[in-house]
Amino acid sequence: MLAVVRILIGILFVGTGIYMLTDQDLLYGGLLHRLTETGGPVRFYRSIVLPYLERHETQIVYLWAAANISAGLFFVTGTLTSLTSLAAAALVLNCGLASSSGNWPRFLAHVAGALALLLIGRLGAGLAWGVDGLLIRRYQDWLVLFPLRRKAPQ
């Protein structure tokens, strides 16, 4: 069951990345507009992210899409799921911080999503139906399961 959830989350990440790459409005000047529609960055994060976003908006959309597609492919194949879960949780939290000013339910949904991703990595979701199971047979457990686990379940 956990492997199915992992694969579905991977498909969701890949789909999100592809959507970002095919949405012309988002690619060319629409990111700041979309963030404003959702409330914009939370107060403490605003001074960090807005100056950089204003100068490099298109590059950030490409980078964000590539990160989503990469995380999705790693989830679908079950490769380095623990590390991928940590990176995907950071993506989700960043999205929540960048788009949830004044909207606590939205921010809490992002936090819950990030925690769910960390749980997937902690439970070793890539061990069943994934490349992680094959890698553990070849390398030490902690190399494959770093940073959320040290040993594979027995």
N, C-alpha and C. Protein backbone atom coordinates (compact mmCIF):
# COMPACT_ATOMS: atom_id res chain seq x y z
N MET A 1 0.82 -1.20 0.00
CA MET A 1 0.00 0.00 0.00
C MET A 1 0.86 1.26 0.00
N LEU A 2 1.93 1.24 0.80
CA LEU A 2 2.82 2.40 0.88
C LEU A 2 3.50 2.67 -0.46
N ALA A 3 3.83 1.61 -1.17
CA ALA A 3 4.45 1.78 -2.49
C ALA A 3 3.47 2.43 -3.46
N VAL A 4 2.21 2.09 -3.39
CA VAL A 4 1.21 2.69 -4.28
C VAL A 4 1.07 4.18 -3.98
N VAL A 5 1.04 4.54 -2.70
CA VAL A 5 0.96 5.95 -2.31
C VAL A 5 2.18 6.70 -2.82
N ARG A 6 3.36 6.10 -2.66
CA ARG A 6 4.61 6.71 -3.13
C ARG A 6 4.56 6.94 -4.64
N ILE A 7 4.09 5.98 -5.38
CA ILE A 7 4.01 6.10 -6.84
C ILE A 7 3.01 7.19 -7.24
N LEU A 8 1.87 7.23 -6.58
CA LEU A 8 0.86 8.25 -6.89
C LEU A 8 1.39 9.66 -6.58
N ILE A 9 2.10 9.79 -5.48
CA ILE A 9 2.70 11.09 -5.15
C ILE A 9 3.73 11.46 -6.21
N GLY A 10 4.50 10.49 -6.67
CA GLY A 10 5.47 10.74 -7.73
C GLY A 10 4.80 11.22 -9.01
N ILE A 11 3.70 10.59 -9.36
CA ILE A 11 2.96 11.01 -10.56
C ILE A 11 2.45 12.44 -10.39
N LEU A 12 1.99 12.77 -9.19
CA LEU A 12 1.51 14.13 -8.90
C LEU A 12 2.64 15.15 -9.06
N PHE A 13 3.82 14.83 -8.56
CA PHE A 13 4.96 15.74 -8.70
C PHE A 13 5.37 15.91 -10.16
N VAL A 14 5.43 14.82 -10.90
CA VAL A 14 5.78 14.91 -12.33
C VAL A 14 4.74 15.73 -13.08
N GLY A 15 3.46 15.48 -12.81
CA GLY A 15 2.40 16.24 -13.46
C GLY A 15 2.48 17.72 -13.15
N THR A 16 2.78 18.06 -11.90
CA THR A 16 2.92 19.47 -11.52
C THR A 16 4.09 20.11 -12.26
N GLY A 17 5.19 19.41 -12.35
CA GLY A 17 6.35 19.95 -13.07
C GLY A 17 6.07 20.17 -14.54
N ILE A 18 5.41 19.21 -15.16
CA ILE A 18 5.08 19.35 -16.58
C ILE A 18 4.09 20.49 -16.79
N TYR A 19 3.13 20.61 -15.90
CA TYR A 19 2.18 21.73 -15.99
C TYR A 19 2.91 23.07 -15.92
N MET A 20 3.88 23.16 -15.03
CA MET A 20 4.63 24.42 -14.89
C MET A 20 5.40 24.74 -16.18
N LEU A 21 5.93 23.73 -16.82
CA LEU A 21 6.70 23.95 -18.05
C LEU A 21 5.82 24.27 -19.25
N THR A 22 4.56 23.87 -19.20
CA THR A 22 3.69 24.11 -20.34
C THR A 22 2.78 25.32 -20.16
N ASP A 23 2.74 25.89 -18.98
CA ASP A 23 1.90 27.07 -18.72
C ASP A 23 2.70 28.34 -19.09
N GLN A 24 2.43 28.89 -20.25
CA GLN A 24 3.17 30.05 -20.75
C GLN A 24 3.02 31.26 -19.85
N ASP A 25 1.84 31.45 -19.26
CA ASP A 25 1.65 32.59 -18.36
C ASP A 25 2.55 32.47 -17.14
N LEU A 26 2.67 31.28 -16.60
CA LEU A 26 3.51 31.07 -15.43
C LEU A 26 4.99 31.23 -15.77
N LEU A 27 5.37 30.73 -16.94
CA LEU A 27 6.78 30.79 -17.34
C LEU A 27 7.28 32.21 -17.56
N TYR A 28 6.44 33.05 -18.08
CA TYR A 28 6.91 34.38 -18.47
C TYR A 28 6.19 35.48 -17.71
N GLY A 29 6.48 35.56 -16.42
CA GLY A 29 5.99 36.66 -15.62
C GLY A 29 4.77 36.38 -14.78
N GLY A 30 4.28 35.18 -14.74
CA GLY A 30 3.06 34.90 -14.02
C GLY A 30 3.24 34.38 -12.60
N LEU A 31 4.46 34.03 -12.22
CA LEU A 31 4.68 33.46 -10.90
C LEU A 31 4.33 34.46 -9.79
N LEU A 32 4.83 35.66 -9.89
CA LEU A 32 4.52 36.66 -8.86
C LEU A 32 3.02 36.95 -8.81
N HIS A 33 2.38 36.98 -9.96
CA HIS A 33 0.93 37.21 -10.01
C HIS A 33 0.20 36.07 -9.30
N ARG A 34 0.60 34.82 -9.56
CA ARG A 34 -0.04 33.66 -8.93
C ARG A 34 0.17 33.67 -7.42
N LEU A 35 1.37 34.05 -7.00
CA LEU A 35 1.63 34.11 -5.56
C LEU A 35 0.78 35.19 -4.90
N THR A 36 0.61 36.31 -5.58
CA THR A 36 -0.23 37.38 -5.06
C THR A 36 -1.68 36.93 -4.94
N GLU A 37 -2.17 36.17 -5.91
CA GLU A 37 -3.54 35.66 -5.87
C GLU A 37 -3.79 34.75 -4.68
N THR A 38 -2.77 34.02 -4.26
CA THR A 38 -2.93 33.08 -3.15
C THR A 38 -2.58 33.70 -1.81
N GLY A 39 -2.23 34.97 -1.78
CA GLY A 39 -1.91 35.64 -0.53
C GLY A 39 -0.47 36.11 -0.43
N GLY A 40 0.37 35.63 -1.30
CA GLY A 40 1.77 36.03 -1.28
C GLY A 40 2.54 35.36 -0.16
N PRO A 41 3.82 35.69 -0.05
CA PRO A 41 4.66 35.08 0.98
C PRO A 41 4.26 35.53 2.38
N VAL A 42 4.45 34.66 3.35
CA VAL A 42 4.24 35.04 4.74
C VAL A 42 5.23 36.14 5.11
N ARG A 43 4.92 36.91 6.14
CA ARG A 43 5.64 38.14 6.43
C ARG A 43 7.16 37.97 6.52
N PHE A 44 7.65 37.05 7.34
CA PHE A 44 9.10 36.92 7.51
C PHE A 44 9.80 36.40 6.26
N TYR A 45 9.07 35.69 5.41
CA TYR A 45 9.64 35.10 4.21
C TYR A 45 9.63 36.07 3.03
N ARG A 46 8.78 37.07 3.10
CA ARG A 46 8.60 38.03 2.01
C ARG A 46 9.91 38.75 1.67
N SER A 47 10.62 39.23 2.68
CA SER A 47 11.86 39.98 2.42
C SER A 47 12.97 39.08 1.88
N ILE A 48 12.84 37.80 2.11
CA ILE A 48 13.85 36.86 1.62
C ILE A 48 13.59 36.50 0.16
N VAL A 49 12.34 36.21 -0.16
CA VAL A 49 12.04 35.62 -1.46
C VAL A 49 11.69 36.64 -2.55
N LEU A 50 10.99 37.70 -2.20
CA LEU A 50 10.51 38.62 -3.25
C LEU A 50 11.61 39.31 -4.04
N PRO A 51 12.66 39.85 -3.40
CA PRO A 51 13.70 40.49 -4.22
C PRO A 51 14.34 39.53 -5.23
N TYR A 52 14.56 38.30 -4.81
CA TYR A 52 15.16 37.32 -5.71
C TYR A 52 14.18 36.90 -6.80
N LEU A 53 12.91 36.71 -6.41
CA LEU A 53 11.88 36.32 -7.38
C LEU A 53 11.69 37.37 -8.46
N GLU A 54 11.71 38.62 -8.08
CA GLU A 54 11.49 39.69 -9.05
C GLU A 54 12.56 39.71 -10.13
N ARG A 55 13.79 39.35 -9.77
CA ARG A 55 14.89 39.39 -10.74
C ARG A 55 15.02 38.12 -11.56
N HIS A 56 14.61 36.99 -11.00
CA HIS A 56 14.88 35.69 -11.66
C HIS A 56 13.64 34.83 -11.78
N GLU A 57 12.51 35.43 -12.07
CA GLU A 57 11.24 34.72 -12.05
C GLU A 57 11.20 33.52 -13.01
N THR A 58 11.58 33.70 -14.24
CA THR A 58 11.51 32.62 -15.23
C THR A 58 12.46 31.48 -14.86
N GLN A 59 13.67 31.82 -14.44
CA GLN A 59 14.64 30.79 -14.06
C GLN A 59 14.13 29.98 -12.86
N ILE A 60 13.46 30.65 -11.93
CA ILE A 60 12.94 29.95 -10.76
C ILE A 60 11.83 28.98 -11.16
N VAL A 61 10.99 29.38 -12.09
CA VAL A 61 9.93 28.48 -12.55
C VAL A 61 10.55 27.24 -13.21
N TYR A 62 11.55 27.43 -14.04
CA TYR A 62 12.22 26.28 -14.67
C TYR A 62 12.88 25.38 -13.61
N LEU A 63 13.55 25.99 -12.65
CA LEU A 63 14.20 25.23 -11.59
C LEU A 63 13.16 24.48 -10.75
N TRP A 64 12.08 25.16 -10.42
CA TRP A 64 11.01 24.56 -9.63
C TRP A 64 10.38 23.38 -10.37
N ALA A 65 10.15 23.55 -11.66
CA ALA A 65 9.57 22.47 -12.47
C ALA A 65 10.53 21.28 -12.54
N ALA A 66 11.81 21.57 -12.74
CA ALA A 66 12.81 20.49 -12.79
C ALA A 66 12.88 19.74 -11.46
N ALA A 67 12.80 20.47 -10.36
CA ALA A 67 12.82 19.84 -9.05
C ALA A 67 11.59 18.96 -8.85
N ASN A 68 10.43 19.43 -9.28
CA ASN A 68 9.21 18.64 -9.16
C ASN A 68 9.29 17.37 -10.00
N ILE A 69 9.74 17.50 -11.23
CA ILE A 69 9.84 16.34 -12.11
C ILE A 69 10.87 15.35 -11.57
N SER A 70 12.00 15.84 -11.10
CA SER A 70 13.03 14.95 -10.54
C SER A 70 12.50 14.21 -9.32
N ALA A 71 11.90 14.95 -8.39
CA ALA A 71 11.35 14.30 -7.19
C ALA A 71 10.30 13.27 -7.59
N GLY A 72 9.46 13.63 -8.54
CA GLY A 72 8.42 12.70 -8.99
C GLY A 72 9.00 11.43 -9.57
N LEU A 73 10.01 11.56 -10.41
CA LEU A 73 10.63 10.37 -11.01
C LEU A 73 11.31 9.50 -9.96
N PHE A 74 11.95 10.14 -8.98
CA PHE A 74 12.57 9.38 -7.90
C PHE A 74 11.52 8.65 -7.07
N PHE A 75 10.37 9.30 -6.82
CA PHE A 75 9.29 8.63 -6.09
C PHE A 75 8.70 7.48 -6.91
N VAL A 76 8.45 7.71 -8.18
CA VAL A 76 7.85 6.66 -9.01
C VAL A 76 8.74 5.43 -9.06
N THR A 77 10.04 5.64 -9.19
CA THR A 77 10.96 4.50 -9.28
C THR A 77 11.40 3.98 -7.91
N GLY A 78 11.10 4.71 -6.85
CA GLY A 78 11.49 4.28 -5.52
C GLY A 78 12.98 4.37 -5.29
N THR A 79 13.61 5.37 -5.86
CA THR A 79 15.05 5.55 -5.77
C THR A 79 15.39 6.61 -4.73
N LEU A 80 16.22 6.25 -3.76
CA LEU A 80 16.65 7.17 -2.69
C LEU A 80 15.44 7.90 -2.10
N THR A 81 14.44 7.14 -1.73
CA THR A 81 13.17 7.69 -1.29
C THR A 81 13.32 8.54 -0.04
N SER A 82 14.19 8.18 0.85
CA SER A 82 14.36 8.95 2.08
C SER A 82 14.88 10.36 1.77
N LEU A 83 15.91 10.44 0.98
CA LEU A 83 16.48 11.74 0.60
C LEU A 83 15.50 12.53 -0.27
N THR A 84 14.81 11.84 -1.16
CA THR A 84 13.82 12.49 -2.01
C THR A 84 12.67 13.04 -1.18
N SER A 85 12.25 12.31 -0.16
CA SER A 85 11.17 12.78 0.72
C SER A 85 11.57 14.06 1.43
N LEU A 86 12.81 14.12 1.87
CA LEU A 86 13.29 15.32 2.54
C LEU A 86 13.31 16.51 1.58
N ALA A 87 13.79 16.30 0.37
CA ALA A 87 13.83 17.37 -0.62
C ALA A 87 12.42 17.80 -1.03
N ALA A 88 11.53 16.84 -1.22
CA ALA A 88 10.15 17.16 -1.61
C ALA A 88 9.43 17.89 -0.48
N ALA A 89 9.70 17.52 0.76
CA ALA A 89 9.09 18.22 1.89
C ALA A 89 9.57 19.67 1.93
N ALA A 90 10.85 19.89 1.61
CA ALA A 90 11.37 21.26 1.55
C ALA A 90 10.67 22.05 0.43
N LEU A 91 10.43 21.41 -0.71
CA LEU A 91 9.70 22.07 -1.81
C LEU A 91 8.30 22.47 -1.38
N VAL A 92 7.61 21.56 -0.72
CA VAL A 92 6.24 21.82 -0.29
C VAL A 92 6.20 22.92 0.76
N LEU A 93 7.12 22.89 1.73
CA LEU A 93 7.16 23.94 2.74
C LEU A 93 7.49 25.29 2.12
N ASN A 94 8.41 25.31 1.18
CA ASN A 94 8.75 26.55 0.49
C ASN A 94 7.54 27.11 -0.24
N CYS A 95 6.79 26.24 -0.88
CA CYS A 95 5.57 26.66 -1.58
C CYS A 95 4.57 27.24 -0.58
N GLY A 96 4.44 26.61 0.57
CA GLY A 96 3.53 27.11 1.59
C GLY A 96 3.96 28.47 2.12
N LEU A 97 5.25 28.63 2.36
CA LEU A 97 5.75 29.92 2.84
C LEU A 97 5.61 31.01 1.80
N ALA A 98 5.72 30.65 0.53
CA ALA A 98 5.67 31.64 -0.55
C ALA A 98 4.24 32.02 -0.95
N SER A 99 3.24 31.27 -0.48
CA SER A 99 1.89 31.52 -1.00
C SER A 99 0.78 31.53 0.05
N SER A 100 1.11 31.65 1.31
CA SER A 100 0.07 31.48 2.33
C SER A 100 -0.08 32.63 3.31
N SER A 101 0.32 33.81 2.94
CA SER A 101 0.20 34.94 3.86
C SER A 101 -1.27 35.19 4.20
N GLY A 102 -1.56 35.19 5.48
CA GLY A 102 -2.92 35.44 5.93
C GLY A 102 -3.88 34.28 5.74
N ASN A 103 -3.39 33.14 5.28
CA ASN A 103 -4.24 31.99 5.03
C ASN A 103 -3.65 30.78 5.78
N TRP A 104 -3.90 30.73 7.09
CA TRP A 104 -3.31 29.67 7.91
C TRP A 104 -3.77 28.27 7.52
N PRO A 105 -5.03 28.07 7.14
CA PRO A 105 -5.40 26.71 6.70
C PRO A 105 -4.58 26.24 5.50
N ARG A 106 -4.31 27.14 4.58
CA ARG A 106 -3.49 26.79 3.42
C ARG A 106 -2.06 26.43 3.85
N PHE A 107 -1.50 27.21 4.75
CA PHE A 107 -0.15 26.94 5.23
C PHE A 107 -0.10 25.62 5.99
N LEU A 108 -1.09 25.38 6.83
CA LEU A 108 -1.12 24.13 7.58
C LEU A 108 -1.29 22.92 6.67
N ALA A 109 -1.99 23.08 5.56
CA ALA A 109 -2.10 21.99 4.58
C ALA A 109 -0.73 21.68 3.97
N HIS A 110 0.06 22.71 3.70
CA HIS A 110 1.42 22.49 3.19
C HIS A 110 2.29 21.80 4.24
N VAL A 111 2.16 22.21 5.49
CA VAL A 111 2.93 21.57 6.56
C VAL A 111 2.53 20.11 6.69
N ALA A 112 1.23 19.82 6.63
CA ALA A 112 0.76 18.43 6.70
C ALA A 112 1.29 17.61 5.52
N GLY A 113 1.31 18.21 4.34
CA GLY A 113 1.87 17.52 3.18
C GLY A 113 3.34 17.22 3.35
N ALA A 114 4.08 18.19 3.88
CA ALA A 114 5.51 17.98 4.11
C ALA A 114 5.74 16.88 5.14
N LEU A 115 4.95 16.87 6.20
CA LEU A 115 5.08 15.81 7.21
C LEU A 115 4.74 14.45 6.63
N ALA A 116 3.73 14.39 5.77
CA ALA A 116 3.38 13.12 5.12
C ALA A 116 4.53 12.62 4.23
N LEU A 117 5.17 13.54 3.53
CA LEU A 117 6.32 13.15 2.70
C LEU A 117 7.47 12.64 3.56
N LEU A 118 7.71 13.29 4.69
CA LEU A 118 8.76 12.81 5.60
C LEU A 118 8.43 11.44 6.15
N LEU A 119 7.16 11.20 6.44
CA LEU A 119 6.74 9.89 6.94
C LEU A 119 6.96 8.82 5.88
N ILE A 120 6.68 9.13 4.64
CA ILE A 120 6.90 8.18 3.55
C ILE A 120 8.39 7.80 3.48
N GLY A 121 9.25 8.80 3.60
CA GLY A 121 10.68 8.52 3.60
C GLY A 121 11.11 7.73 4.81
N ARG A 122 10.55 8.06 5.97
CA ARG A 122 10.91 7.38 7.21
C ARG A 122 10.48 5.92 7.20
N LEU A 123 9.35 5.65 6.59
CA LEU A 123 8.85 4.27 6.54
C LEU A 123 9.54 3.41 5.50
N GLY A 124 10.42 4.01 4.70
CA GLY A 124 11.15 3.24 3.70
C GLY A 124 10.28 2.81 2.55
N ALA A 125 9.52 3.76 2.00
CA ALA A 125 8.56 3.44 0.94
C ALA A 125 9.21 2.91 -0.33
N GLY A 126 10.48 3.12 -0.53
CA GLY A 126 11.14 2.65 -1.74
C GLY A 126 11.63 1.22 -1.67
N LEU A 127 11.47 0.59 -0.50
CA LEU A 127 11.98 -0.77 -0.34
C LEU A 127 11.11 -1.80 -1.06
N ALA A 128 9.82 -1.55 -1.12
CA ALA A 128 8.92 -2.43 -1.86
C ALA A 128 8.63 -1.80 -3.21
N TRP A 129 8.76 -2.54 -4.26
CA TRP A 129 8.51 -2.09 -5.63
C TRP A 129 9.38 -0.89 -5.97
N GLY A 130 10.60 -0.86 -5.52
CA GLY A 130 11.45 0.28 -5.80
C GLY A 130 12.91 -0.09 -5.91
N VAL A 131 13.65 0.85 -6.44
CA VAL A 131 15.09 0.67 -6.63
C VAL A 131 15.81 0.59 -5.29
N ASP A 132 15.26 1.25 -4.25
CA ASP A 132 15.90 1.20 -2.94
C ASP A 132 16.10 -0.23 -2.45
N GLY A 133 15.13 -1.10 -2.69
CA GLY A 133 15.26 -2.50 -2.29
C GLY A 133 16.45 -3.17 -2.96
N LEU A 134 16.68 -2.85 -4.22
CA LEU A 134 17.83 -3.40 -4.94
C LEU A 134 19.14 -2.79 -4.46
N LEU A 135 19.12 -1.50 -4.18
CA LEU A 135 20.33 -0.81 -3.72
C LEU A 135 20.77 -1.31 -2.35
N ILE A 136 19.82 -1.63 -1.49
CA ILE A 136 20.16 -2.10 -0.14
C ILE A 136 20.88 -3.44 -0.21
N ARG A 137 20.54 -4.26 -1.18
CA ARG A 137 21.24 -5.54 -1.33
C ARG A 137 22.69 -5.34 -1.74
N ARG A 138 22.97 -4.22 -2.37
CA ARG A 138 24.30 -3.97 -2.89
C ARG A 138 25.16 -3.06 -2.00
N TYR A 139 24.51 -2.11 -1.34
CA TYR A 139 25.22 -1.14 -0.51
C TYR A 139 24.71 -1.22 0.93
N GLN A 140 25.38 -0.52 1.81
CA GLN A 140 24.96 -0.50 3.21
C GLN A 140 23.62 0.22 3.33
N ASP A 141 22.82 -0.23 4.30
CA ASP A 141 21.49 0.35 4.50
C ASP A 141 21.52 1.86 4.64
N TRP A 142 22.41 2.36 5.47
CA TRP A 142 22.39 3.80 5.78
C TRP A 142 22.73 4.66 4.57
N LEU A 143 23.48 4.14 3.62
CA LEU A 143 23.78 4.91 2.41
C LEU A 143 22.53 5.13 1.57
N VAL A 144 21.68 4.13 1.52
CA VAL A 144 20.47 4.21 0.71
C VAL A 144 19.36 4.95 1.45
N LEU A 145 19.26 4.74 2.76
CA LEU A 145 18.15 5.27 3.54
C LEU A 145 18.45 6.60 4.22
N PHE A 146 19.64 7.14 4.05
CA PHE A 146 20.01 8.43 4.63
C PHE A 146 19.08 9.51 4.08
N PRO A 147 18.61 10.45 4.81
CA PRO A 147 18.88 10.82 6.19
C PRO A 147 17.80 10.40 7.18
N LEU A 148 16.71 9.78 6.73
CA LEU A 148 15.57 9.55 7.62
C LEU A 148 15.59 8.17 8.29
N ARG A 149 16.43 7.27 7.83
CA ARG A 149 16.54 5.93 8.43
C ARG A 149 17.99 5.51 8.42
N ARG A 150 18.30 4.54 9.25
CA ARG A 150 19.65 3.98 9.26
C ARG A 150 19.65 2.51 8.81
N LYS A 151 18.59 1.81 9.13
CA LYS A 151 18.51 0.39 8.78
C LYS A 151 17.17 0.08 8.12
N ALA A 152 17.21 -0.89 7.24
CA ALA A 152 15.97 -1.37 6.60
C ALA A 152 15.21 -2.23 7.61
N PRO A 153 13.88 -2.23 7.54
CA PRO A 153 13.11 -3.10 8.44
C PRO A 153 13.43 -4.56 8.14
N GLN A 154 13.46 -5.35 9.20
CA GLN A 154 13.81 -6.77 9.05
C GLN A 154 12.65 -7.60 8.64
